[in-house]
């Protein structure tokens, strides 16, 4: 998400991307990135956005940030309009029709209605927020986190905070903010089970946030857990564990950068 932001903003300001352009956002933190771009880019030059969610897994043979990624596990990639988008552009429709024609290929591309896509993006966001910071702070593979009871306890606590956010109620309609009712715990457990299933399916992966911290480069945390904190503030809720992991990732990144600079 940070790389996409840094790449796209100059193109808009130079006029290379404008209101006649269609931009596809396909990365971790899509919802936060899309909101950020809509808020910051000039309205007259704002391109049309198509959002996407992918469940394909990819891995690198090592944690060199520039290493080629290998296809690690099969999934699907869903495309659609943002939930807030009421436009009906011919170019967007042409693009979405083209994607639909590719639905039979091995990468399983498909278009879905905005509400369906939004639910998938929420689930992916929750999964990234519950898993990625732990791997980055503890420098662990996805599977190492998934199999550790202490990590599972942390994931469940993060999930409890996530399912209490009103933004996630479409996934868990029985949840109320800061509720300690059984339904909230059940929803958190269901979300945790999904996170663990994803982690186990990609067990040998060092995910993107861990790779970024190891390489001392900007992470996606501002479009994941920090984005959740903004949603929590808007709802006057507190997410202390998510806040702690935002700080821990920032601290570890700063320490790694200082160590790197001292070696120069």
Protein backbone atom coordinates (compact mmCIF):
# COMPACT_ATOMS: atom_id res chain seq x y z
CA UNK A 1 0.00 0.00 0.00
CA UNK A 2 2.72 2.59 0.76
CA UNK A 3 4.47 1.76 -2.53
CA UNK A 4 1.21 2.13 -4.46
CA UNK A 5 0.56 5.48 -2.77
CA UNK A 6 4.04 6.83 -3.56
CA UNK A 7 3.76 5.63 -7.17
CA UNK A 8 0.25 6.91 -7.87
CA UNK A 9 0.29 10.39 -6.32
CA UNK A 10 3.02 11.80 -8.65
CA UNK A 11 1.26 10.34 -11.71
CA UNK A 12 -1.97 12.14 -10.78
CA UNK A 13 -0.20 15.44 -10.13
CA UNK A 14 1.63 15.18 -13.50
CA UNK A 15 -1.63 14.45 -15.31
CA UNK A 16 -0.54 10.98 -16.40
CA UNK A 17 -3.49 9.58 -14.43
CA UNK A 18 -6.72 11.59 -14.47
CA UNK A 19 -10.50 11.33 -14.29
CA UNK A 20 -10.55 9.28 -17.50
CA UNK A 21 -8.24 6.65 -16.01
CA UNK A 22 -9.18 3.43 -14.24
CA UNK A 23 -6.85 2.31 -11.44
CA UNK A 24 -6.98 -1.18 -9.95
CA UNK A 25 -5.97 -1.45 -6.29
CA UNK A 26 -4.83 -4.97 -5.38
CA UNK A 27 -2.70 -5.11 -2.24
CA UNK A 28 -2.97 -5.45 1.52
CA UNK A 29 -4.81 -2.49 3.03
CA UNK A 30 -6.96 -1.73 -0.03
CA UNK A 31 -9.78 -0.12 1.97
CA UNK A 32 -7.52 2.26 3.86
CA UNK A 33 -5.51 3.09 0.74
CA UNK A 34 -8.64 3.83 -1.29
CA UNK A 35 -10.04 6.14 1.41
CA UNK A 36 -6.67 7.88 1.68
CA UNK A 37 -6.41 8.47 -2.07
CA UNK A 38 -9.99 9.74 -2.37
CA UNK A 39 -9.36 12.19 0.48
CA UNK A 40 -5.97 13.46 -0.72
CA UNK A 41 -6.05 13.54 -4.51
CA UNK A 42 -7.59 16.52 -6.37
CA UNK A 43 -11.26 15.78 -7.02
CA UNK A 44 -11.04 16.97 -10.63
CA UNK A 45 -8.20 14.51 -11.36
CA UNK A 46 -9.46 11.61 -9.29
CA UNK A 47 -9.32 8.39 -11.33
CA UNK A 48 -12.01 5.74 -11.15
CA UNK A 49 -11.01 2.91 -8.86
CA UNK A 50 -11.60 -0.80 -9.16
CA UNK A 51 -10.80 -2.69 -5.96
CA UNK A 52 -9.68 -6.30 -5.75
CA UNK A 53 -9.14 -9.00 -3.15
CA UNK A 54 -6.94 -12.03 -3.75
CA UNK A 55 -6.55 -15.20 -1.72
CA UNK A 56 -3.65 -16.55 -3.77
CA UNK A 57 -0.50 -17.12 -1.74
CA UNK A 58 2.95 -15.99 -2.85
CA UNK A 59 6.33 -16.66 -1.29
CA UNK A 60 9.94 -15.66 -1.84
CA UNK A 61 12.86 -18.10 -1.69
CA UNK A 62 14.46 -15.65 0.75
CA UNK A 63 13.54 -12.37 2.42
CA UNK A 64 15.32 -10.11 -0.05
CA UNK A 65 12.68 -7.48 -0.78
CA UNK A 66 13.58 -7.53 -4.49
CA UNK A 67 13.48 -11.32 -4.84
CA UNK A 68 11.02 -12.87 -7.27
CA UNK A 69 7.85 -14.13 -5.61
CA UNK A 70 6.69 -17.68 -6.33
CA UNK A 71 3.06 -18.78 -6.45
CA UNK A 72 2.63 -20.54 -3.12
CA UNK A 73 -1.04 -21.49 -2.75
CA UNK A 74 -4.11 -21.32 -4.99
CA UNK A 75 -7.06 -19.06 -4.35
CA UNK A 76 -9.22 -16.59 -6.24
CA UNK A 77 -9.10 -12.89 -7.14
CA UNK A 78 -12.29 -10.84 -6.98
CA UNK A 79 -12.74 -7.45 -8.66
CA UNK A 80 -15.46 -4.85 -8.21
CA UNK A 81 -16.37 -1.24 -7.63
CA UNK A 82 -15.89 0.45 -4.26
CA UNK A 83 -18.96 0.33 -2.04
CA UNK A 84 -19.11 4.14 -2.10
CA UNK A 85 -18.87 4.40 -5.91
CA UNK A 86 -22.13 5.19 -7.70
CA UNK A 87 -20.59 5.89 -11.13
CA UNK A 88 -21.32 3.74 -14.15
CA UNK A 89 -18.32 4.28 -16.42
CA UNK A 90 -18.17 2.56 -19.81
CA UNK A 91 -14.42 1.99 -19.42
CA UNK A 92 -14.93 0.44 -15.99
CA UNK A 93 -17.67 -1.77 -17.38
CA UNK A 94 -15.40 -2.85 -20.26
CA UNK A 95 -12.66 -3.67 -17.77
CA UNK A 96 -14.97 -5.66 -15.50
CA UNK A 97 -16.41 -7.55 -18.49
CA UNK A 98 -12.88 -8.44 -19.59
CA UNK A 99 -12.11 -9.75 -16.10
CA UNK A 100 -15.26 -11.87 -16.16
CA UNK A 101 -14.09 -13.50 -19.40
CA UNK A 102 -10.95 -14.64 -17.57
CA UNK A 103 -12.84 -16.37 -14.76
CA UNK A 104 -12.05 -19.83 -16.12
CA UNK A 105 -8.27 -19.38 -16.13
CA UNK A 106 -6.04 -20.92 -13.43
CA UNK A 107 -5.95 -17.68 -11.44
CA UNK A 108 -9.75 -17.71 -11.01
CA UNK A 109 -10.51 -14.04 -11.70
CA UNK A 110 -14.10 -12.89 -11.26
CA UNK A 111 -16.18 -9.76 -10.77
CA UNK A 112 -18.60 -9.43 -7.86
CA UNK A 113 -21.08 -6.77 -6.62
CA UNK A 114 -19.64 -3.98 -4.44
CA UNK A 115 -21.20 -5.28 -1.23
CA UNK A 116 -19.81 -8.79 -1.79
CA UNK A 117 -16.35 -7.44 -2.55
CA UNK A 118 -16.47 -5.13 0.48
CA UNK A 119 -17.13 -8.10 2.77
CA UNK A 120 -14.13 -9.94 1.29
CA UNK A 121 -11.93 -6.87 1.72
CA UNK A 122 -13.03 -6.55 5.36
CA UNK A 123 -12.16 -10.19 5.99
CA UNK A 124 -8.76 -9.81 4.32
CA UNK A 125 -8.11 -6.63 6.32
CA UNK A 126 -8.98 -8.38 9.59
CA UNK A 127 -6.74 -11.32 8.69
CA UNK A 128 -3.78 -9.10 7.82
CA UNK A 129 -4.23 -7.07 11.02
CA UNK A 130 -4.36 -10.16 13.22
CA UNK A 131 -1.41 -11.97 11.62
CA UNK A 132 1.08 -9.65 9.95
CA UNK A 133 2.20 -7.55 12.96
CA UNK A 134 2.94 -10.70 14.99
CA UNK A 135 5.14 -12.12 12.26
CA UNK A 136 6.94 -8.78 11.92
CA UNK A 137 7.55 -8.22 15.64
CA UNK A 138 8.67 -11.79 16.29
CA UNK A 139 10.38 -12.33 12.92
CA UNK A 140 8.45 -15.54 12.33
CA UNK A 141 6.90 -17.44 9.47
CA UNK A 142 3.11 -17.58 9.24
CA UNK A 143 3.03 -21.20 10.35
CA UNK A 144 5.20 -20.57 13.41
CA UNK A 145 2.67 -18.01 14.61
CA UNK A 146 -0.30 -20.25 13.81
CA UNK A 147 1.06 -23.17 15.82
CA UNK A 148 2.09 -21.26 18.93
CA UNK A 149 -0.49 -21.14 21.78
CA UNK A 150 0.73 -17.75 23.03
CA UNK A 151 0.43 -16.30 19.53
CA UNK A 152 -3.04 -17.80 19.22
CA UNK A 153 -4.04 -16.02 22.43
CA UNK A 154 -2.79 -12.71 21.03
CA UNK A 155 -4.60 -13.29 17.74
CA UNK A 156 -7.86 -13.99 19.59
CA UNK A 157 -7.47 -10.77 21.61
CA UNK A 158 -6.85 -8.77 18.44
CA UNK A 159 -9.89 -10.39 16.83
CA UNK A 160 -12.04 -9.40 19.84
CA UNK A 161 -11.12 -5.77 19.20
CA UNK A 162 -11.74 -6.08 15.47
CA UNK A 163 -15.21 -7.63 15.66
CA UNK A 164 -16.30 -4.86 18.03
CA UNK A 165 -15.76 -2.20 15.35
CA UNK A 166 -19.00 -1.11 13.65
CA UNK A 167 -17.24 -1.28 10.27
CA UNK A 168 -17.00 -5.06 10.68
CA UNK A 169 -20.61 -5.62 11.74
CA UNK A 170 -21.60 -6.66 8.17
CA UNK A 171 -19.42 -9.73 8.76
CA UNK A 172 -20.74 -10.28 12.29
CA UNK A 173 -24.18 -8.63 12.59
CA UNK A 174 -24.76 -9.90 16.13
CA UNK A 175 -21.74 -8.03 17.53
CA UNK A 176 -22.08 -4.78 19.48
CA UNK A 177 -19.22 -2.38 20.35
CA UNK A 178 -17.22 -3.43 23.42
CA UNK A 179 -19.67 -6.24 24.07
CA UNK A 180 -18.59 -9.15 26.26
CA UNK A 181 -21.59 -11.22 25.28
CA UNK A 182 -21.05 -14.79 24.05
CA UNK A 183 -21.81 -13.73 20.46
CA UNK A 184 -18.80 -11.40 20.46
CA UNK A 185 -16.48 -14.12 21.72
CA UNK A 186 -17.92 -16.56 19.20
CA UNK A 187 -17.35 -14.09 16.38
CA UNK A 188 -13.79 -13.44 17.55
CA UNK A 189 -13.16 -17.18 17.68
CA UNK A 190 -14.58 -17.63 14.18
CA UNK A 191 -12.35 -14.85 12.88
CA UNK A 192 -9.34 -16.31 14.69
CA UNK A 193 -10.01 -19.71 13.11
CA UNK A 194 -10.04 -18.06 9.68
CA UNK A 195 -6.75 -16.27 10.43
CA UNK A 196 -5.14 -19.51 11.57
CA UNK A 197 -6.40 -21.33 8.48
CA UNK A 198 -4.82 -18.68 6.24
CA UNK A 199 -1.58 -18.83 8.24
CA UNK A 200 -1.44 -22.62 8.02
CA UNK A 201 -2.15 -22.56 4.27
CA UNK A 202 0.86 -20.25 3.83
CA UNK A 203 2.87 -21.70 6.71
CA UNK A 204 6.32 -21.34 5.11
CA UNK A 205 5.79 -17.71 4.12
CA UNK A 206 7.48 -14.71 5.66
CA UNK A 207 4.66 -12.25 4.97
CA UNK A 208 5.12 -8.79 3.55
CA UNK A 209 5.27 -6.85 6.82
CA UNK A 210 7.96 -9.13 8.23
CA UNK A 211 9.97 -8.80 5.00
CA UNK A 212 9.67 -5.00 5.11
CA UNK A 213 10.84 -4.80 8.74
CA UNK A 214 13.80 -7.11 8.04
CA UNK A 215 14.76 -4.89 5.09
CA UNK A 216 14.24 -1.67 7.09
CA UNK A 217 11.68 -0.22 4.68
CA UNK A 218 8.27 1.34 5.23
CA UNK A 219 5.62 -1.21 6.21
CA UNK A 220 1.90 -1.44 5.45
CA UNK A 221 0.94 -0.95 9.12
CA UNK A 222 -0.59 2.50 8.48
CA UNK A 223 -3.10 0.91 6.10
CA UNK A 224 -3.82 -2.05 8.38
CA UNK A 225 -3.84 -1.75 12.19
CA UNK A 226 -3.39 2.03 12.21
CA UNK A 227 -6.38 2.27 9.85
CA UNK A 228 -8.39 0.24 12.38
CA UNK A 229 -7.36 2.70 15.09
CA UNK A 230 -8.77 5.55 13.02
CA UNK A 231 -12.05 3.68 12.61
CA UNK A 232 -12.07 3.07 16.37
CA UNK A 233 -11.56 6.76 17.13
CA UNK A 234 -14.46 7.65 14.85
CA UNK A 235 -16.65 5.28 16.88
CA UNK A 236 -15.13 6.41 20.21
CA UNK A 237 -13.76 2.94 20.88
CA UNK A 238 -10.40 1.82 22.19
CA UNK A 239 -8.20 -0.87 20.65
CA UNK A 240 -5.22 -1.12 23.03
CA UNK A 241 -3.71 -4.30 21.61
CA UNK A 242 -3.85 -3.07 18.02
CA UNK A 243 -2.29 0.20 19.22
CA UNK A 244 0.46 -1.74 20.98
CA UNK A 245 1.31 -3.67 17.83
CA UNK A 246 1.38 -0.47 15.74
CA UNK A 247 3.94 0.89 18.22
CA UNK A 248 5.89 -2.39 18.36
CA UNK A 249 6.21 -2.62 14.58
CA UNK A 250 7.33 1.03 14.41
CA UNK A 251 9.85 0.43 17.21
CA UNK A 252 11.32 -2.68 15.62
CA UNK A 253 11.58 -0.93 12.26
CA UNK A 254 13.36 2.04 13.87
CA UNK A 255 15.80 -0.26 15.70
CA UNK A 256 16.56 -2.19 12.51
CA UNK A 257 17.17 1.04 10.62
CA UNK A 258 19.51 2.30 13.35
CA UNK A 259 21.41 -1.00 13.29
CA UNK A 260 21.67 -0.83 9.49
CA UNK A 261 22.93 2.76 9.59
CA UNK A 262 25.55 1.91 12.22
CA UNK A 263 26.93 -0.80 9.93
CA UNK A 264 27.52 1.62 7.06
